[in-house]
Amino acid sequence: MDYIKLAKALGFADAKIMKTSEICTDDSYRKLCVQNVCGNYDLAYGCPPKCGTVQKMIEKMNQYENALILQTKTKYKNILDREEQVSIQRKQNKLTEVLHGLMVNDGLDDILLMSAGPWKRNSCLSAYCIDAQKMAETVGMTCWEEDGYVRYFTLLLYH
């Protein structure tokens, strides 16, 4: 199955596949978690410290060969409005769950879902210390641009 075409048909703005080994991590991103930037530190299962150490998260990620990078692009009213951010992230995560289910139906039985912000029992890219900017650049996607849109990423890692 062509997961990139499927992702775009479901409503993702863009989707790319890269080798998980090419994903750049930076353990300094864990500072954002500890500073409780999103308000979920030590509350959500997928957030530090409950999700595990940086080393544990990177080891978990590196057990997978491929990363399907999923991106949404949404016009925002106020980028600093936390409720608006969470609403956009929720839509991204629900869409990612739909694609995850289709991949499972296609025969993939071991998929790691990385969410936009903590989502159910899933950890976000920050908890895995993924450098989203470098990841986006590697596959030719835009991460940040001053154009009135916010872009969120989720990943589905698989073998």
Protein backbone atom coordinates (compact mmCIF):
# COMPACT_ATOMS: atom_id res chain seq x y z
CA MET A 1 0.00 0.00 0.00
CA ASP A 2 1.22 3.53 -0.78
CA TYR A 3 1.05 5.16 2.64
CA ILE A 4 2.01 8.59 1.35
CA LYS A 5 -0.91 8.67 -1.09
CA LEU A 6 -3.21 7.28 1.56
CA ALA A 7 -2.11 9.93 4.08
CA LYS A 8 -2.76 12.74 1.62
CA ALA A 9 -6.13 11.26 0.69
CA LEU A 10 -7.06 11.25 4.38
CA GLY A 11 -6.29 14.95 4.65
CA PHE A 12 -2.65 15.33 5.65
CA ALA A 13 -0.98 18.32 3.98
CA ASP A 14 2.15 16.28 3.34
CA ALA A 15 3.68 12.89 4.09
CA LYS A 16 7.14 11.46 3.54
CA ILE A 17 9.01 8.31 4.46
CA MET A 18 12.54 8.29 5.82
CA LYS A 19 14.76 5.77 7.56
CA THR A 20 14.38 6.03 11.31
CA SER A 21 18.17 5.97 11.63
CA GLU A 22 18.26 9.33 9.79
CA ILE A 23 16.08 11.11 12.34
CA CYS A 24 18.11 13.68 14.25
CA THR A 25 17.57 13.82 17.99
CA ASP A 26 18.73 16.42 20.47
CA ASP A 27 18.39 15.60 24.15
CA SER A 28 18.20 19.32 24.99
CA TYR A 29 14.58 19.20 23.77
CA ARG A 30 13.72 17.36 26.98
CA LYS A 31 14.19 20.74 28.72
CA LEU A 32 10.92 21.85 27.15
CA CYS A 33 9.21 18.93 28.85
CA VAL A 34 10.83 19.59 32.21
CA GLN A 35 9.90 23.28 31.92
CA ASN A 36 6.32 22.04 31.43
CA VAL A 37 5.82 24.12 28.29
CA CYS A 38 2.72 22.12 27.29
CA GLY A 39 1.42 21.67 30.82
CA ASN A 40 1.57 17.86 30.85
CA TYR A 41 4.88 17.15 32.58
CA ASP A 42 4.44 14.33 35.11
CA LEU A 43 0.72 14.18 34.32
CA ALA A 44 0.28 12.25 31.06
CA TYR A 45 1.55 8.69 30.63
CA GLY A 46 3.31 9.68 27.39
CA CYS A 47 5.15 12.58 29.01
CA PRO A 48 8.32 12.67 31.07
CA PRO A 49 9.20 11.42 33.52
CA LYS A 50 6.56 8.67 33.14
CA CYS A 51 7.48 7.86 29.52
CA GLY A 52 11.11 7.14 30.37
CA THR A 53 14.53 8.65 29.99
CA VAL A 54 15.81 10.24 26.81
CA GLN A 55 18.01 7.18 26.23
CA LYS A 56 15.06 4.81 26.68
CA MET A 57 12.92 6.80 24.24
CA ILE A 58 15.64 6.92 21.58
CA GLU A 59 16.30 3.18 21.99
CA LYS A 60 12.59 2.51 21.55
CA MET A 61 12.48 4.64 18.41
CA ASN A 62 15.56 2.97 16.94
CA GLN A 63 13.89 -0.44 17.06
CA TYR A 64 11.98 0.57 13.93
CA GLU A 65 13.29 0.82 10.39
CA ASN A 66 10.98 3.33 8.70
CA ALA A 67 9.30 6.56 9.71
CA LEU A 68 6.18 7.82 7.99
CA ILE A 69 6.22 11.56 8.65
CA LEU A 70 2.77 13.12 8.64
CA GLN A 71 2.12 16.85 8.52
CA THR A 72 -0.96 19.02 8.84
CA LYS A 73 -1.01 22.68 7.92
CA THR A 74 -3.69 24.77 9.59
CA LYS A 75 -4.48 28.49 9.45
CA TYR A 76 -4.48 29.80 13.00
CA LYS A 77 -6.19 32.72 14.69
CA ASN A 78 -3.77 33.13 17.61
CA ILE A 79 -0.65 30.96 17.68
CA LEU A 80 -0.30 31.61 21.43
CA ASP A 81 -3.82 30.38 22.24
CA ARG A 82 -3.26 27.07 24.05
CA GLU A 83 -6.84 25.87 23.41
CA GLU A 84 -6.44 26.46 19.69
CA GLN A 85 -3.11 24.60 19.68
CA VAL A 86 -4.60 21.62 21.51
CA SER A 87 -7.58 21.55 19.15
CA ILE A 88 -5.31 21.46 16.08
CA GLN A 89 -3.11 18.80 17.69
CA ARG A 90 -6.18 16.71 18.53
CA LYS A 91 -7.28 16.75 14.88
CA GLN A 92 -3.77 15.72 13.79
CA ASN A 93 -3.67 12.88 16.31
CA LYS A 94 -7.13 11.57 15.39
CA LEU A 95 -6.18 11.57 11.71
CA THR A 96 -2.95 9.75 12.58
CA GLU A 97 -4.94 7.11 14.48
CA VAL A 98 -7.10 6.52 11.41
CA LEU A 99 -4.02 5.96 9.26
CA HIS A 100 -2.50 3.74 11.96
CA GLY A 101 -5.63 1.57 11.85
CA LEU A 102 -5.44 1.29 8.07
CA MET A 103 -1.80 0.25 8.29
CA VAL A 104 -2.68 -2.42 10.85
CA ASN A 105 -5.44 -3.65 8.53
CA ASP A 106 -2.79 -3.80 5.80
CA GLY A 107 -0.80 -6.29 7.89
CA LEU A 108 1.62 -4.13 9.87
CA ASP A 109 1.33 -5.26 13.47
CA ASP A 110 4.14 -3.34 15.16
CA ILE A 111 3.75 0.40 14.67
CA LEU A 112 4.96 3.12 17.02
CA LEU A 113 2.76 6.23 16.96
CA MET A 114 4.42 9.51 17.91
CA SER A 115 1.81 12.15 18.53
CA ALA A 116 1.52 15.93 18.31
CA GLY A 117 1.55 16.64 22.02
CA PRO A 118 0.72 13.81 24.39
CA TRP A 119 -2.15 11.70 23.08
CA LYS A 120 -3.67 8.84 25.04
CA ARG A 121 -0.68 6.58 25.81
CA ASN A 122 1.49 8.02 23.03
CA SER A 123 4.44 10.36 23.47
CA CYS A 124 5.06 13.43 21.36
CA LEU A 125 8.12 14.17 19.25
CA SER A 126 9.58 16.34 22.05
CA ALA A 127 9.51 13.41 24.49
CA TYR A 128 11.57 11.47 21.92
CA CYS A 129 13.83 14.55 21.52
CA ILE A 130 13.26 14.67 17.77
CA ASP A 131 14.53 17.77 16.01
CA ALA A 132 11.45 18.44 13.87
CA GLN A 133 13.15 21.21 11.89
CA LYS A 134 16.03 18.96 10.80
CA MET A 135 13.64 16.08 10.13
CA ALA A 136 11.50 18.31 7.91
CA GLU A 137 14.53 19.68 6.06
CA THR A 138 15.85 16.16 5.46
CA VAL A 139 12.68 15.14 3.62
CA GLY A 140 11.97 18.49 1.94
CA MET A 141 9.10 19.63 4.16
CA THR A 142 8.56 23.05 5.72
CA CYS A 143 8.49 23.16 9.49
CA TRP A 144 8.33 26.84 10.44
CA GLU A 145 7.35 29.71 8.19
CA GLU A 146 5.75 33.07 8.95
CA ASP A 147 2.73 32.57 6.70
CA GLY A 148 -0.17 32.37 9.17
CA TYR A 149 -0.14 28.56 9.26
CA VAL A 150 0.91 26.21 12.00
CA ARG A 151 2.38 22.87 10.98
CA TYR A 152 2.23 19.85 13.22
CA PHE A 153 3.97 16.54 12.77
CA THR A 154 3.15 13.03 13.85
CA LEU A 155 5.12 9.91 13.01
CA LEU A 156 4.27 6.28 12.46
CA LEU A 157 7.35 4.08 12.82
CA TYR A 158 7.25 0.58 11.38
CA HIS A 159 9.35 -2.29 10.04
